[in-house]
Protein backbone atom coordinates (compact mmCIF):
# COMPACT_ATOMS: atom_id res chain seq x y z
CA UNK A 1 32.19 -56.60 13.86
CA UNK A 2 28.42 -56.66 14.38
CA UNK A 3 27.28 -57.55 17.90
CA UNK A 4 24.46 -60.08 18.21
CA UNK A 5 23.93 -59.37 21.92
CA UNK A 6 21.81 -60.37 23.77
CA UNK A 7 21.51 -63.40 21.47
CA UNK A 8 23.81 -66.34 22.16
CA UNK A 9 25.24 -69.06 19.87
CA UNK A 10 23.38 -72.33 20.12
CA UNK A 11 20.11 -70.76 21.21
CA UNK A 12 16.96 -70.68 19.06
CA UNK A 13 15.86 -67.35 17.61
CA UNK A 14 12.96 -66.48 15.31
CA UNK A 15 14.14 -64.24 12.43
CA UNK A 16 11.70 -62.26 10.32
CA UNK A 17 12.87 -63.04 6.76
CA UNK A 18 11.12 -61.06 4.03
CA UNK A 19 13.86 -61.62 1.45
CA UNK A 20 14.95 -57.98 1.48
CA UNK A 21 18.50 -56.88 2.25
CA UNK A 22 17.92 -56.22 5.95
CA UNK A 23 16.38 -59.60 6.72
CA UNK A 24 18.86 -61.52 4.55
CA UNK A 25 21.76 -59.82 6.35
CA UNK A 26 20.19 -60.65 9.71
CA UNK A 27 19.65 -64.30 8.80
CA UNK A 28 23.23 -64.66 7.56
CA UNK A 29 24.68 -62.86 10.58
CA UNK A 30 22.88 -64.96 13.18
CA UNK A 31 23.35 -68.27 11.36
CA UNK A 32 27.09 -67.61 10.98
CA UNK A 33 27.25 -66.69 14.67
CA UNK A 34 25.94 -70.14 15.56
CA UNK A 35 22.36 -69.28 16.52
CA UNK A 36 19.65 -71.84 15.77
CA UNK A 37 17.77 -69.67 13.29
CA UNK A 38 14.12 -70.21 12.47
CA UNK A 39 13.44 -68.04 9.42
CA UNK A 40 9.82 -66.82 9.38
CA UNK A 41 8.34 -65.48 6.14
CA UNK A 42 4.86 -64.00 5.69
CA UNK A 43 3.37 -64.11 2.20
CA UNK A 44 0.66 -61.44 2.27
CA UNK A 45 -0.35 -62.19 -1.32
CA UNK A 46 -0.70 -58.49 -2.08
CA UNK A 47 1.71 -58.34 -5.03
CA UNK A 48 0.81 -61.47 -6.98
CA UNK A 49 3.80 -63.14 -8.61
CA UNK A 50 6.19 -60.81 -6.80
CA UNK A 51 4.94 -62.07 -3.42
CA UNK A 52 5.58 -65.65 -4.54
CA UNK A 53 9.04 -64.64 -5.79
CA UNK A 54 9.85 -63.20 -2.36
CA UNK A 55 8.73 -66.39 -0.64
CA UNK A 56 10.87 -68.53 -2.94
CA UNK A 57 13.91 -66.33 -2.33
CA UNK A 58 13.38 -66.36 1.44
CA UNK A 59 13.18 -70.15 1.35
CA UNK A 60 16.43 -70.30 -0.63
CA UNK A 61 18.19 -67.95 1.80
CA UNK A 62 17.08 -70.06 4.76
CA UNK A 63 18.42 -73.16 3.00
CA UNK A 64 21.73 -71.49 2.17
CA UNK A 65 22.39 -70.71 5.83
CA UNK A 66 20.95 -73.92 7.29
CA UNK A 67 17.97 -72.24 8.93
CA UNK A 68 14.59 -73.83 9.57
CA UNK A 69 11.93 -72.19 7.39
CA UNK A 70 8.35 -71.32 8.30
CA UNK A 71 5.89 -69.56 6.00
CA UNK A 72 2.47 -68.04 6.67
CA UNK A 73 0.07 -67.13 3.88
CA UNK A 74 -2.09 -64.38 5.30
CA UNK A 75 -5.53 -62.98 4.48
CA UNK A 76 -4.79 -59.29 4.90
CA UNK A 77 -8.12 -58.12 3.47
CA UNK A 78 -10.08 -60.08 6.05
CA UNK A 79 -8.04 -58.53 8.89
CA UNK A 80 -8.61 -55.03 7.47
CA UNK A 81 -12.36 -55.57 7.19
CA UNK A 82 -12.72 -57.08 10.64
CA UNK A 83 -10.77 -54.42 12.50
CA UNK A 84 -11.23 -51.41 10.22
CA UNK A 85 -7.49 -50.84 9.94
CA UNK A 86 -5.08 -50.03 7.12
CA UNK A 87 -3.27 -52.65 5.05
CA UNK A 88 0.02 -51.56 6.60
CA UNK A 89 -1.28 -52.00 10.15
CA UNK A 90 -2.95 -55.32 9.33
CA UNK A 91 0.32 -56.70 7.92
CA UNK A 92 2.20 -55.59 11.02
CA UNK A 93 -0.31 -57.19 13.39
CA UNK A 94 -0.35 -60.46 11.43
CA UNK A 95 3.44 -60.56 11.31
CA UNK A 96 4.15 -59.95 14.99
CA UNK A 97 1.35 -62.19 16.25
CA UNK A 98 2.70 -65.05 14.15
CA UNK A 99 6.28 -64.38 15.26
CA UNK A 100 5.07 -64.66 18.85
CA UNK A 101 3.38 -68.00 18.11
CA UNK A 102 6.60 -69.32 16.56
CA UNK A 103 8.67 -68.03 19.48
CA UNK A 104 6.59 -70.08 21.89
CA UNK A 105 6.49 -73.15 19.64
CA UNK A 106 10.28 -73.29 19.21
CA UNK A 107 11.08 -72.31 22.81
CA UNK A 108 12.93 -69.19 21.67
CA UNK A 109 13.26 -66.16 23.90
CA UNK A 110 13.87 -63.60 21.14
CA UNK A 111 12.43 -62.62 17.80
CA UNK A 112 15.03 -60.82 15.66
CA UNK A 113 13.94 -58.24 13.09
CA UNK A 114 16.01 -56.26 10.61
CA UNK A 115 15.39 -52.64 11.52
CA UNK A 116 18.37 -50.37 10.88
CA UNK A 117 19.51 -46.81 11.53
CA UNK A 118 17.40 -45.16 8.81
CA UNK A 119 14.28 -46.98 10.07
CA UNK A 120 14.79 -45.35 13.46
CA UNK A 121 15.10 -41.90 11.88
CA UNK A 122 11.96 -42.46 9.80
CA UNK A 123 10.06 -43.48 12.92
CA UNK A 124 11.14 -40.24 14.59
CA UNK A 125 9.66 -38.14 11.77
CA UNK A 126 6.46 -40.18 11.55
CA UNK A 127 5.79 -39.87 15.26
CA UNK A 128 6.70 -36.19 15.19
CA UNK A 129 4.22 -35.49 12.38
CA UNK A 130 1.40 -37.40 14.08
CA UNK A 131 1.86 -35.66 17.40
CA UNK A 132 3.75 -37.31 20.25
CA UNK A 133 5.71 -36.70 23.43
CA UNK A 134 9.32 -37.50 24.25
CA UNK A 135 8.57 -41.24 24.40
CA UNK A 136 7.62 -41.21 20.73
CA UNK A 137 10.80 -39.41 19.66
CA UNK A 138 13.33 -41.89 21.01
CA UNK A 139 13.56 -43.84 17.78
CA UNK A 140 13.63 -47.64 17.74
CA UNK A 141 15.31 -49.43 20.63
CA UNK A 142 17.70 -52.33 20.13
CA UNK A 143 15.83 -54.56 22.56
CA UNK A 144 12.16 -54.31 23.49
CA UNK A 145 10.99 -57.28 25.50
CA UNK A 146 11.28 -60.33 23.24
CA UNK A 147 12.09 -58.25 20.14
CA UNK A 148 15.77 -57.66 19.28
CA UNK A 149 17.20 -55.58 16.44
CA UNK A 150 20.90 -56.42 15.97
CA UNK A 151 21.24 -54.17 12.88
CA UNK A 152 19.79 -51.00 14.43
CA UNK A 153 23.14 -49.14 14.42
CA UNK A 154 23.94 -49.99 10.78
CA UNK A 155 23.04 -47.94 7.73
CA UNK A 156 21.19 -49.37 4.75
CA UNK A 157 24.37 -49.08 2.65
CA UNK A 158 26.41 -51.02 5.22
CA UNK A 159 23.79 -53.76 5.28
CA UNK A 160 23.74 -54.12 1.49
CA UNK A 161 27.54 -54.34 1.47
CA UNK A 162 27.37 -57.14 4.04
CA UNK A 163 24.76 -59.05 2.02
CA UNK A 164 26.96 -58.80 -1.07
CA UNK A 165 29.80 -60.40 0.88
CA UNK A 166 27.60 -63.43 1.67
CA UNK A 167 26.67 -64.08 -1.95
CA UNK A 168 23.04 -64.56 -0.93
CA UNK A 169 21.46 -61.67 -2.82
CA UNK A 170 18.19 -60.00 -1.91
CA UNK A 171 14.89 -58.96 -3.50
CA UNK A 172 13.35 -55.50 -3.64
CA UNK A 173 9.72 -54.97 -2.70
CA UNK A 174 8.28 -52.80 -5.48
CA UNK A 175 5.98 -51.04 -3.01
CA UNK A 176 9.05 -49.59 -1.28
CA UNK A 177 9.70 -47.44 -4.35
CA UNK A 178 6.19 -45.96 -4.34
CA UNK A 179 4.94 -43.09 -2.20
CA UNK A 180 1.73 -44.83 -1.17
CA UNK A 181 2.86 -45.26 2.44
CA UNK A 182 3.80 -42.41 4.77
CA UNK A 183 7.06 -44.11 5.73
CA UNK A 184 8.09 -44.26 2.07
CA UNK A 185 7.38 -40.55 1.62
CA UNK A 186 9.56 -39.74 4.62
CA UNK A 187 12.32 -42.00 3.25
CA UNK A 188 12.21 -40.64 -0.30
CA UNK A 189 11.61 -36.95 0.34
CA UNK A 190 11.91 -35.74 3.94
CA UNK A 191 15.20 -37.39 4.92
CA UNK A 192 17.08 -36.53 1.67
CA UNK A 193 15.81 -32.93 1.85
CA UNK A 194 17.03 -32.56 5.42
CA UNK A 195 20.46 -33.93 4.53
CA UNK A 196 20.72 -31.62 1.53
CA UNK A 197 19.87 -28.54 3.61
CA UNK A 198 21.93 -29.55 6.66
CA UNK A 199 24.64 -32.11 5.81
CA UNK A 200 25.24 -34.38 8.78
CA UNK A 201 21.78 -33.66 10.18
CA UNK A 202 20.99 -37.34 10.62
CA UNK A 203 23.96 -37.83 12.95
CA UNK A 204 22.71 -34.90 15.02
CA UNK A 205 19.22 -36.33 14.98
CA UNK A 206 20.45 -39.66 16.32
CA UNK A 207 22.20 -37.85 19.18
CA UNK A 208 18.94 -36.00 19.88
CA UNK A 209 17.03 -39.29 20.05
CA UNK A 210 19.55 -40.64 22.57
CA UNK A 211 19.04 -37.54 24.75
CA UNK A 212 15.26 -37.85 24.47
CA UNK A 213 15.52 -41.47 25.58
CA UNK A 214 17.23 -40.32 28.79
CA UNK A 215 14.62 -37.57 29.26
CA UNK A 216 11.85 -40.11 28.78
CA UNK A 217 13.23 -42.37 31.50
CA UNK A 218 13.44 -39.38 33.84
CA UNK A 219 9.80 -38.54 33.05
CA UNK A 220 8.82 -42.13 33.80
CA UNK A 221 10.34 -41.81 37.28
CA UNK A 222 8.42 -38.59 37.91
CA UNK A 223 5.15 -40.09 36.65
CA UNK A 224 5.51 -43.12 38.93
CA UNK A 225 5.67 -40.82 41.95
CA UNK A 226 2.72 -38.79 40.69
CA UNK A 227 0.57 -41.91 40.31
CA UNK A 228 1.24 -42.90 43.92
CA UNK A 229 -0.19 -39.57 45.12
CA UNK A 230 -3.63 -40.30 43.68
CA UNK A 231 -3.77 -44.10 43.83
CA UNK A 232 -6.63 -45.38 45.96
CA UNK A 233 -7.25 -49.12 46.03
CA UNK A 234 -7.83 -50.36 42.50
CA UNK A 235 -8.38 -46.90 41.04
CA UNK A 236 -7.61 -43.22 41.58
CA UNK A 237 -9.10 -40.46 43.71
CA UNK A 238 -8.79 -37.03 42.07
CA UNK A 239 -10.58 -35.01 44.76
CA UNK A 240 -7.32 -33.17 45.50
CA UNK A 241 -6.23 -32.90 41.87
CA UNK A 242 -5.57 -29.25 40.91
CA UNK A 243 -7.83 -28.63 37.91
CA UNK A 244 -6.60 -25.03 37.59
CA UNK A 245 -3.00 -26.12 37.01
CA UNK A 246 -1.97 -25.14 33.44
CA UNK A 247 -0.29 -28.56 33.22
CA UNK A 248 -3.32 -30.47 34.54
CA UNK A 249 -3.89 -32.26 31.23
CA UNK A 250 -0.26 -33.38 31.01
CA UNK A 251 -0.19 -34.53 34.64
CA UNK A 252 -3.43 -36.50 34.30
CA UNK A 253 -2.14 -38.20 31.17
CA UNK A 254 1.07 -39.26 32.95
CA UNK A 255 -1.02 -40.74 35.76
CA UNK A 256 -3.42 -42.69 33.55
CA UNK A 257 -1.35 -43.62 30.49
CA UNK A 258 -0.07 -46.93 31.98
CA UNK A 259 -3.71 -48.03 32.39
CA UNK A 260 -4.25 -47.70 28.63
CA UNK A 261 -5.72 -44.18 28.45
CA UNK A 262 -4.71 -41.96 25.53
CA UNK A 263 -4.59 -38.15 25.42
CA UNK A 264 -8.16 -37.85 24.12
CA UNK A 265 -9.61 -40.01 26.89
CA UNK A 266 -7.64 -38.29 29.66
CA UNK A 267 -8.80 -34.90 28.35
CA UNK A 268 -12.39 -36.18 28.43
CA UNK A 269 -11.89 -37.30 32.04
CA UNK A 270 -10.37 -33.92 32.90
CA UNK A 271 -13.45 -32.19 31.48
CA UNK A 272 -15.77 -34.50 33.43
CA UNK A 273 -14.01 -34.20 36.81
CA UNK A 274 -15.65 -30.92 37.95
CA UNK A 275 -19.12 -31.93 36.69
CA UNK A 276 -19.94 -34.62 39.23
CA UNK A 277 -22.26 -37.53 38.57
CA UNK A 278 -21.16 -40.82 37.05
CA UNK A 279 -19.63 -41.36 33.63
CA UNK A 280 -18.17 -44.38 31.89
CA UNK A 281 -14.87 -44.47 30.01
CA UNK A 282 -14.43 -47.90 28.43
CA UNK A 283 -14.00 -50.42 31.24
CA UNK A 284 -13.69 -47.61 33.81
CA UNK A 285 -16.25 -45.45 35.61
CA UNK A 286 -15.81 -41.96 37.05
CA UNK A 287 -17.94 -41.25 40.11
CA UNK A 288 -17.44 -38.28 42.45
CA UNK A 289 -13.88 -37.78 41.22
CA UNK A 290 -12.98 -41.43 41.77
CA UNK A 291 -11.97 -43.43 38.70
CA UNK A 292 -12.58 -47.14 39.22
CA UNK A 293 -12.58 -50.22 36.96
CA UNK A 294 -15.65 -52.31 36.26
CA UNK A 295 -14.80 -55.72 37.69
CA UNK A 296 -16.31 -59.03 36.61
CA UNK A 297 -17.99 -61.24 39.21
CA UNK A 298 -17.88 -64.41 37.08
CA UNK A 299 -14.70 -65.66 38.73
CA UNK A 300 -13.17 -64.81 42.09
CA UNK A 301 -10.90 -61.79 41.76
CA UNK A 302 -7.59 -62.50 43.47
CA UNK A 303 -5.73 -59.43 44.61
CA UNK A 304 -2.87 -58.50 46.88
CA UNK A 305 -0.04 -56.02 47.30
CA UNK A 306 2.31 -59.01 47.00
CA UNK A 307 2.28 -60.81 43.66
CA UNK A 308 3.31 -64.10 45.25
CA UNK A 309 0.06 -64.20 47.22
CA UNK A 310 -2.04 -64.80 44.08
CA UNK A 311 0.26 -66.71 41.69
CA UNK A 312 3.34 -68.90 41.85
CA UNK A 313 6.30 -66.51 41.84
CA UNK A 314 10.06 -67.00 41.62
CA UNK A 315 12.76 -64.32 41.52
CA UNK A 316 15.81 -65.60 39.67
CA UNK A 317 19.01 -64.41 37.96
CA UNK A 318 18.47 -63.16 34.41
CA UNK A 319 20.58 -65.94 32.90
CA UNK A 320 17.90 -68.49 33.84
CA UNK A 321 15.08 -66.88 31.86
CA UNK A 322 15.35 -69.24 28.89
CA UNK A 323 14.30 -72.13 31.14
CA UNK A 324 10.83 -70.60 31.19
CA UNK A 325 10.40 -69.56 27.54
CA UNK A 326 7.62 -72.12 27.08
CA UNK A 327 4.61 -69.84 26.73
CA UNK A 328 3.15 -70.92 30.09
CA UNK A 329 5.13 -68.45 32.17
CA UNK A 330 5.20 -64.68 32.40
CA UNK A 331 8.75 -63.33 32.70
CA UNK A 332 9.13 -59.79 34.02
CA UNK A 333 11.98 -57.55 35.03
CA UNK A 334 12.05 -58.06 38.80
CA UNK A 335 11.85 -54.28 39.27
CA UNK A 336 8.09 -54.71 38.69
CA UNK A 337 7.93 -56.04 42.25
CA UNK A 338 9.52 -52.96 43.81
CA UNK A 339 7.24 -50.91 46.05
CA UNK A 340 3.59 -51.41 46.97
CA UNK A 341 1.29 -52.22 44.06
CA UNK A 342 -2.13 -53.72 43.59
CA UNK A 343 -1.82 -57.03 41.75
CA UNK A 344 -5.06 -58.54 40.44
CA UNK A 345 -5.61 -61.90 38.75
CA UNK A 346 -9.09 -62.06 37.21
CA UNK A 347 -11.16 -62.94 34.19
CA UNK A 348 -10.75 -60.50 31.32
CA UNK A 349 -13.33 -57.74 30.86
CA UNK A 350 -14.79 -56.20 27.75
CA UNK A 351 -12.72 -53.11 27.03
CA UNK A 352 -9.51 -54.56 28.50
CA UNK A 353 -6.48 -53.53 26.47
CA UNK A 354 -2.87 -54.74 26.50
CA UNK A 355 0.32 -53.11 25.19
CA UNK A 356 1.76 -56.08 23.33
CA UNK A 357 5.44 -56.83 23.01
CA UNK A 358 6.82 -55.65 19.68
CA UNK A 359 3.90 -53.34 18.92
CA UNK A 360 3.13 -49.69 19.49
CA UNK A 361 -0.12 -48.65 21.13
CA UNK A 362 -2.45 -51.26 22.57
CA UNK A 363 -4.93 -53.90 21.43
CA UNK A 364 -8.26 -55.04 22.79
CA UNK A 365 -8.04 -58.39 24.54
CA UNK A 366 -11.29 -59.36 22.82
CA UNK A 367 -9.68 -58.87 19.39
CA UNK A 368 -6.64 -60.93 20.36
CA UNK A 369 -8.78 -63.82 21.60
CA UNK A 370 -10.85 -63.69 18.42
CA UNK A 371 -7.73 -63.80 16.25
CA UNK A 372 -6.47 -66.83 18.18
CA UNK A 373 -9.70 -68.68 17.23
CA UNK A 374 -10.35 -69.77 20.80
CA UNK A 375 -13.65 -71.48 21.55
CA UNK A 376 -16.35 -69.49 23.31
CA UNK A 377 -15.70 -71.36 26.57
CA UNK A 378 -11.94 -70.85 26.36
CA UNK A 379 -12.43 -67.13 25.75
CA UNK A 380 -14.83 -66.91 28.68
CA UNK A 381 -12.31 -68.61 31.00
CA UNK A 382 -9.29 -66.54 29.93
CA UNK A 383 -7.63 -64.74 32.84
CA UNK A 384 -5.43 -61.68 32.98
CA UNK A 385 -2.89 -60.31 35.44
CA UNK A 386 -2.83 -56.59 36.18
CA UNK A 387 -0.52 -54.34 38.16
CA UNK A 388 -2.15 -51.13 39.39
CA UNK A 389 -4.81 -51.57 36.73
CA UNK A 390 -2.34 -52.07 33.87
CA UNK A 391 -2.75 -55.40 32.08
CA UNK A 392 0.56 -57.31 31.95
CA UNK A 393 -0.43 -60.83 30.92
CA UNK A 394 -3.16 -62.70 29.11
CA UNK A 395 -2.51 -65.98 30.87
CA UNK A 396 -0.55 -68.37 28.68
CA UNK A 397 -1.22 -66.33 25.53
CA UNK A 398 0.25 -62.84 25.36
CA UNK A 399 2.53 -60.58 27.42
CA UNK A 400 2.64 -56.81 27.73
CA UNK A 401 5.79 -54.93 26.77
CA UNK A 402 5.73 -53.24 30.20
CA UNK A 403 8.42 -54.54 32.57
CA UNK A 404 9.77 -56.76 29.80
CA UNK A 405 13.30 -58.08 30.26
CA UNK A 406 15.96 -55.84 28.68
CA UNK A 407 19.74 -55.75 28.39
CA UNK A 408 19.98 -53.97 31.76
CA UNK A 409 17.82 -56.50 33.62
CA UNK A 410 19.70 -58.27 36.40
CA UNK A 411 16.94 -60.32 38.03
CA UNK A 412 13.69 -61.70 36.65
CA UNK A 413 10.30 -62.46 38.17
CA UNK A 414 8.85 -65.71 36.80
CA UNK A 415 5.08 -66.00 37.15
CA UNK A 416 2.92 -69.11 36.72
CA UNK A 417 -0.73 -69.54 37.63
CA UNK A 418 -1.51 -72.19 40.23
CA UNK A 419 -5.21 -72.06 39.40
CA UNK A 420 -7.04 -74.68 37.38
């Protein structure tokens, strides 16, 4: 029995349907469970006739299980040229941005994707090889904000067996057999080699990822306390920060990471701290060991230690969250309100970044607004909500993955702007 939690029968859900075994199994599972499935297929046009074959099969699968069908034909090359990113990253960005648009259009709370157990293991090795901390070694979570992965505990073999039982069939992406992508090389060579040397290693690895997930949450608690020690107003004061501490770099990163700083930028700040003077780091400035944001003066900046002072705020039971899945509200885990924090509602700044739901890393707000094809005036008037300098919401457009509602959430904070 495969659990579809936290999805519920009768509720709309966007399902990423590529036509491969994972997505076909997911579509069948959720449709049979009584969910109102909206099957979303992206035709990237990168494989000619094979791409069109995949689209046709996805359409047929959606029809077989009574799902609504949406298709997007994407210009991947244009995205790569504009942002200077790889084909793989461009496809991912296009896919998840479109899923989010569909989620809002259909009033769905969740987007379901077909990641499985081997995907989580591959992610572990990829992050390990690129350099990461414990947060990057936790594998793929079942629920992350609006993204849910009902198949994450199943193996690829179990999924293919399930698809066979439905009679739906699936297509194979020919690029999955090639070693052109790093993930494919891990799948074809690293994982089989590990299993051949140490049979059962993958089970041990999954236990390790579960332990690292607990360690990561413990580290998050420590980092929250550390940030309070140096928080001053809307920035940080590092005049008492111990630069001689062998762990100074690690501590500074834990303090600044929620504000969008990476290891390289925090190391640059660490180097600059004893030098004095003023230096700029993106939308932040360092002056006499105080790190402060550049604020815009184009629109009144509303700020308070109480979120309800600057926006309309309701704290409600978790089971009411679907009433507000209309794209106009921000829905947070109510734990975001715990303690004293600086909440700011302002116009967006150049250099602002947001950690989007369903995506690793962060994206520039300017790039997101450009991709949404907003008019110049609409872009200029776009507002953002921040908590202690961390951007949580591009008003009415995009939400951060921070403080997103999860399976353990008991109460939610529903935010709506009262400004016109």
